[in-house]
Amino acid sequence: MDGHLLTWDMSDEFAALTVQPSHRYTGSEGPTTTFHLAVRDDRLWMGLALLPTSRTVDLSLQPGVLGQVLSVGTGPTAPGTAGATVAGWVAGLVGASRSWRPADPAGLGPVATVGGAALPLLGSAQSPSAPCRRP
């Protein structure tokens, strides 16, 4: 999608997102980037995996890095694009744990979806029409 090969592996409250630029669209394969995501204490945690080591750098407060890797802006994304797909996956991860998630992830885009899930008060301010999903 959009020149990227995306892989999403989710189990319970943990997921791994792998993004690889596709040679089909760009003419050459770029480096693979892997993000680890987890829901901890009702907030999304996102880290950049430093492969092949087991280290992960916390990027929860810097969701724009995901936007840079996906080459998407910070706003809404069109349905079927890589940004909309990733925003939906992230919303599904946090929604499964009953944490805050936007009602329309594609309408906010992946950067705002990750930022809002990492800081639910910020998420509620970005999307006032989307109620908190917690009981």
C-alpha atoms as a PDB file:
ATOM      1  CA  MET A   1       0.000   0.000   0.000  1.00  0.00           C
ATOM      2  CA  ASP A   2       1.296   3.432  -0.867  1.00  0.00           C
ATOM      3  CA  GLY A   3       4.709   1.978  -1.643  1.00  0.00           C
ATOM      4  CA  HIS A   4       4.969   0.067   1.647  1.00  0.00           C
ATOM      5  CA  LEU A   5       4.756  -3.553   2.609  1.00  0.00           C
ATOM      6  CA  LEU A   6       3.028  -3.668   6.006  1.00  0.00           C
ATOM      7  CA  THR A   7       3.005  -6.509   8.499  1.00  0.00           C
ATOM      8  CA  TRP A   8       0.889  -6.468  11.665  1.00  0.00           C
ATOM      9  CA  ASP A   9       1.274  -9.180  14.289  1.00  0.00           C
ATOM     10  CA  MET A  10      -1.016  -8.758  17.312  1.00  0.00           C
ATOM     11  CA  SER A  11      -1.564 -10.868  20.391  1.00  0.00           C
ATOM     12  CA  ASP A  12      -3.626  -9.674  23.361  1.00  0.00           C
ATOM     13  CA  GLU A  13      -2.235  -6.250  24.301  1.00  0.00           C
ATOM     14  CA  PHE A  14       0.968  -6.373  22.229  1.00  0.00           C
ATOM     15  CA  ALA A  15       1.613  -5.851  18.534  1.00  0.00           C
ATOM     16  CA  ALA A  16       4.500  -5.539  16.114  1.00  0.00           C
ATOM     17  CA  LEU A  17       4.239  -3.345  13.029  1.00  0.00           C
ATOM     18  CA  THR A  18       6.819  -3.822  10.294  1.00  0.00           C
ATOM     19  CA  VAL A  19       7.094  -1.276   7.495  1.00  0.00           C
ATOM     20  CA  GLN A  20       9.217  -1.905   4.430  1.00  0.00           C
ATOM     21  CA  PRO A  21       9.291   0.336   1.367  1.00  0.00           C
ATOM     22  CA  SER A  22       8.438  -1.777  -1.650  1.00  0.00           C
ATOM     23  CA  HIS A  23      10.750  -1.882  -4.652  1.00  0.00           C
ATOM     24  CA  ARG A  24       7.632  -2.223  -6.778  1.00  0.00           C
ATOM     25  CA  TYR A  25       6.831   1.438  -6.113  1.00  0.00           C
ATOM     26  CA  THR A  26      10.140   3.033  -5.225  1.00  0.00           C
ATOM     27  CA  GLY A  27      12.581   1.244  -7.540  1.00  0.00           C
ATOM     28  CA  SER A  28      14.611  -0.133  -4.629  1.00  0.00           C
ATOM     29  CA  GLU A  29      13.882  -1.800  -1.339  1.00  0.00           C
ATOM     30  CA  GLY A  30      14.510   0.463   1.623  1.00  0.00           C
ATOM     31  CA  PRO A  31      15.314  -0.476   5.180  1.00  0.00           C
ATOM     32  CA  THR A  32      12.728  -2.332   7.213  1.00  0.00           C
ATOM     33  CA  THR A  33      11.429  -0.494  10.281  1.00  0.00           C
ATOM     34  CA  THR A  34       9.752  -2.366  13.124  1.00  0.00           C
ATOM     35  CA  PHE A  35       7.617  -0.771  15.827  1.00  0.00           C
ATOM     36  CA  HIS A  36       6.554  -2.572  18.991  1.00  0.00           C
ATOM     37  CA  LEU A  37       3.259  -1.447  20.502  1.00  0.00           C
ATOM     38  CA  ALA A  38       1.684  -2.408  23.812  1.00  0.00           C
ATOM     39  CA  VAL A  39      -1.078  -1.185  26.064  1.00  0.00           C
ATOM     40  CA  ARG A  40       0.190  -0.483  29.564  1.00  0.00           C
ATOM     41  CA  ASP A  41      -1.827   1.213  32.304  1.00  0.00           C
ATOM     42  CA  ASP A  42      -4.572   2.153  29.817  1.00  0.00           C
ATOM     43  CA  ARG A  43      -2.114   3.934  27.517  1.00  0.00           C
ATOM     44  CA  LEU A  44      -0.446   2.960  24.291  1.00  0.00           C
ATOM     45  CA  TRP A  45       3.291   2.471  24.388  1.00  0.00           C
ATOM     46  CA  MET A  46       5.122   2.566  21.045  1.00  0.00           C
ATOM     47  CA  GLY A  47       8.762   1.729  20.604  1.00  0.00           C
ATOM     48  CA  LEU A  48      11.160   1.526  17.685  1.00  0.00           C
ATOM     49  CA  ALA A  49      12.866  -1.877  17.594  1.00  0.00           C
ATOM     50  CA  LEU A  50      16.608  -1.709  17.124  1.00  0.00           C
ATOM     51  CA  LEU A  51      17.021  -4.964  15.242  1.00  0.00           C
ATOM     52  CA  PRO A  52      18.838  -7.335  15.314  1.00  0.00           C
ATOM     53  CA  THR A  53      19.231  -6.545  19.024  1.00  0.00           C
ATOM     54  CA  SER A  54      16.395  -6.887  21.510  1.00  0.00           C
ATOM     55  CA  ARG A  55      16.471  -3.171  22.403  1.00  0.00           C
ATOM     56  CA  THR A  56      13.507  -0.902  21.796  1.00  0.00           C
ATOM     57  CA  VAL A  57      13.519   2.898  22.033  1.00  0.00           C
ATOM     58  CA  ASP A  58      10.366   4.445  23.519  1.00  0.00           C
ATOM     59  CA  LEU A  59       8.671   6.752  20.993  1.00  0.00           C
ATOM     60  CA  SER A  60       5.278   6.995  22.709  1.00  0.00           C
ATOM     61  CA  LEU A  61       5.530  10.773  22.964  1.00  0.00           C
ATOM     62  CA  GLN A  62       6.864  11.103  19.411  1.00  0.00           C
ATOM     63  CA  PRO A  63       4.160   9.576  17.196  1.00  0.00           C
ATOM     64  CA  GLY A  64       5.350  11.722  14.292  1.00  0.00           C
ATOM     65  CA  VAL A  65       8.145   9.198  13.727  1.00  0.00           C
ATOM     66  CA  LEU A  66       5.517   6.719  12.560  1.00  0.00           C
ATOM     67  CA  GLY A  67       4.200   9.332  10.141  1.00  0.00           C
ATOM     68  CA  GLN A  68       7.712   9.888   8.785  1.00  0.00           C
ATOM     69  CA  VAL A  69       8.281   6.172   8.235  1.00  0.00           C
ATOM     70  CA  LEU A  70       4.914   5.788   6.499  1.00  0.00           C
ATOM     71  CA  SER A  71       5.444   9.051   4.560  1.00  0.00           C
ATOM     72  CA  VAL A  72       2.023  10.380   5.612  1.00  0.00           C
ATOM     73  CA  GLY A  73       1.056  13.749   6.968  1.00  0.00           C
ATOM     74  CA  THR A  74      -0.358  14.411  10.392  1.00  0.00           C
ATOM     75  CA  GLY A  75      -3.974  14.720   9.295  1.00  0.00           C
ATOM     76  CA  PRO A  76      -6.731  12.449   8.045  1.00  0.00           C
ATOM     77  CA  THR A  77      -5.948   9.652   5.632  1.00  0.00           C
ATOM     78  CA  ALA A  78      -7.917   8.282   2.710  1.00  0.00           C
ATOM     79  CA  PRO A  79      -9.525   4.860   3.140  1.00  0.00           C
ATOM     80  CA  GLY A  80      -7.364   2.009   1.881  1.00  0.00           C
ATOM     81  CA  THR A  81      -4.063   3.837   2.299  1.00  0.00           C
ATOM     82  CA  ALA A  82      -1.196   2.631   4.480  1.00  0.00           C
ATOM     83  CA  GLY A  83      -1.903   5.413   6.981  1.00  0.00           C
ATOM     84  CA  ALA A  84      -5.576   4.489   7.321  1.00  0.00           C
ATOM     85  CA  THR A  85      -4.709   0.803   7.656  1.00  0.00           C
ATOM     86  CA  VAL A  86      -2.155   1.417  10.404  1.00  0.00           C
ATOM     87  CA  ALA A  87      -4.492   3.824  12.237  1.00  0.00           C
ATOM     88  CA  GLY A  88      -7.180   1.124  12.190  1.00  0.00           C
ATOM     89  CA  TRP A  89      -4.782  -1.529  13.459  1.00  0.00           C
ATOM     90  CA  VAL A  90      -3.611   0.697  16.319  1.00  0.00           C
ATOM     91  CA  ALA A  91      -7.200   1.605  17.235  1.00  0.00           C
ATOM     92  CA  GLY A  92      -8.051  -2.105  17.279  1.00  0.00           C
ATOM     93  CA  LEU A  93      -5.146  -2.832  19.626  1.00  0.00           C
ATOM     94  CA  VAL A  94      -6.097  -0.151  22.150  1.00  0.00           C
ATOM     95  CA  GLY A  95      -9.805  -0.852  21.721  1.00  0.00           C
ATOM     96  CA  ALA A  96      -9.261  -4.516  22.584  1.00  0.00           C
ATOM     97  CA  SER A  97      -7.867  -3.421  25.953  1.00  0.00           C
ATOM     98  CA  ARG A  98     -10.771  -0.983  26.409  1.00  0.00           C
ATOM     99  CA  SER A  99      -8.426   2.028  26.374  1.00  0.00           C
ATOM    100  CA  TRP A 100      -9.157   5.315  24.571  1.00  0.00           C
ATOM    101  CA  ARG A 101      -9.428   5.055  20.815  1.00  0.00           C
ATOM    102  CA  PRO A 102     -10.885   7.384  18.202  1.00  0.00           C
ATOM    103  CA  ALA A 103     -14.286   6.642  16.703  1.00  0.00           C
ATOM    104  CA  ASP A 104     -12.789   7.238  13.229  1.00  0.00           C
ATOM    105  CA  PRO A 105      -9.065   6.333  13.188  1.00  0.00           C
ATOM    106  CA  ALA A 106      -8.654   7.160   9.481  1.00  0.00           C
ATOM    107  CA  GLY A 107     -10.294  10.530  10.129  1.00  0.00           C
ATOM    108  CA  LEU A 108      -7.524  11.381  12.598  1.00  0.00           C
ATOM    109  CA  GLY A 109      -4.712   9.523  10.854  1.00  0.00           C
ATOM    110  CA  PRO A 110      -2.023   7.285  12.339  1.00  0.00           C
ATOM    111  CA  VAL A 111      -0.047  10.043  14.064  1.00  0.00           C
ATOM    112  CA  ALA A 112      -3.043  11.420  15.978  1.00  0.00           C
ATOM    113  CA  THR A 113      -4.361   7.921  16.701  1.00  0.00           C
ATOM    114  CA  VAL A 114      -1.041   6.885  18.270  1.00  0.00           C
ATOM    115  CA  GLY A 115      -0.649  10.222  20.060  1.00  0.00           C
ATOM    116  CA  GLY A 116      -4.182  10.119  21.422  1.00  0.00           C
ATOM    117  CA  ALA A 117      -3.855   6.514  22.574  1.00  0.00           C
ATOM    118  CA  ALA A 118      -0.523   7.306  24.272  1.00  0.00           C
ATOM    119  CA  LEU A 119      -2.029  10.374  25.970  1.00  0.00           C
ATOM    120  CA  PRO A 120      -5.799   9.777  26.237  1.00  0.00           C
ATOM    121  CA  LEU A 121      -6.527  13.326  27.441  1.00  0.00           C
ATOM    122  CA  LEU A 122      -4.873  14.623  24.260  1.00  0.00           C
ATOM    123  CA  GLY A 123      -6.851  12.104  22.231  1.00  0.00           C
ATOM    124  CA  SER A 124     -10.129  13.278  23.718  1.00  0.00           C
ATOM    125  CA  ALA A 125      -9.233  16.876  22.882  1.00  0.00           C
ATOM    126  CA  GLN A 126      -8.394  15.942  19.255  1.00  0.00           C
ATOM    127  CA  SER A 127     -11.631  14.068  18.741  1.00  0.00           C
ATOM    128  CA  PRO A 128     -14.330  15.485  21.032  1.00  0.00           C
ATOM    129  CA  SER A 129     -17.082  13.536  19.261  1.00  0.00           C
ATOM    130  CA  ALA A 130     -15.381  10.237  20.044  1.00  0.00           C
ATOM    131  CA  PRO A 131     -16.203   9.151  23.577  1.00  0.00           C
ATOM    132  CA  CYS A 132     -13.728   7.345  25.748  1.00  0.00           C
ATOM    133  CA  ARG A 133     -14.192   3.616  25.266  1.00  0.00           C
ATOM    134  CA  ARG A 134     -13.637   2.796  28.955  1.00  0.00           C
ATOM    135  CA  PRO A 135     -16.720   1.627  30.866  1.00  0.00           C
END
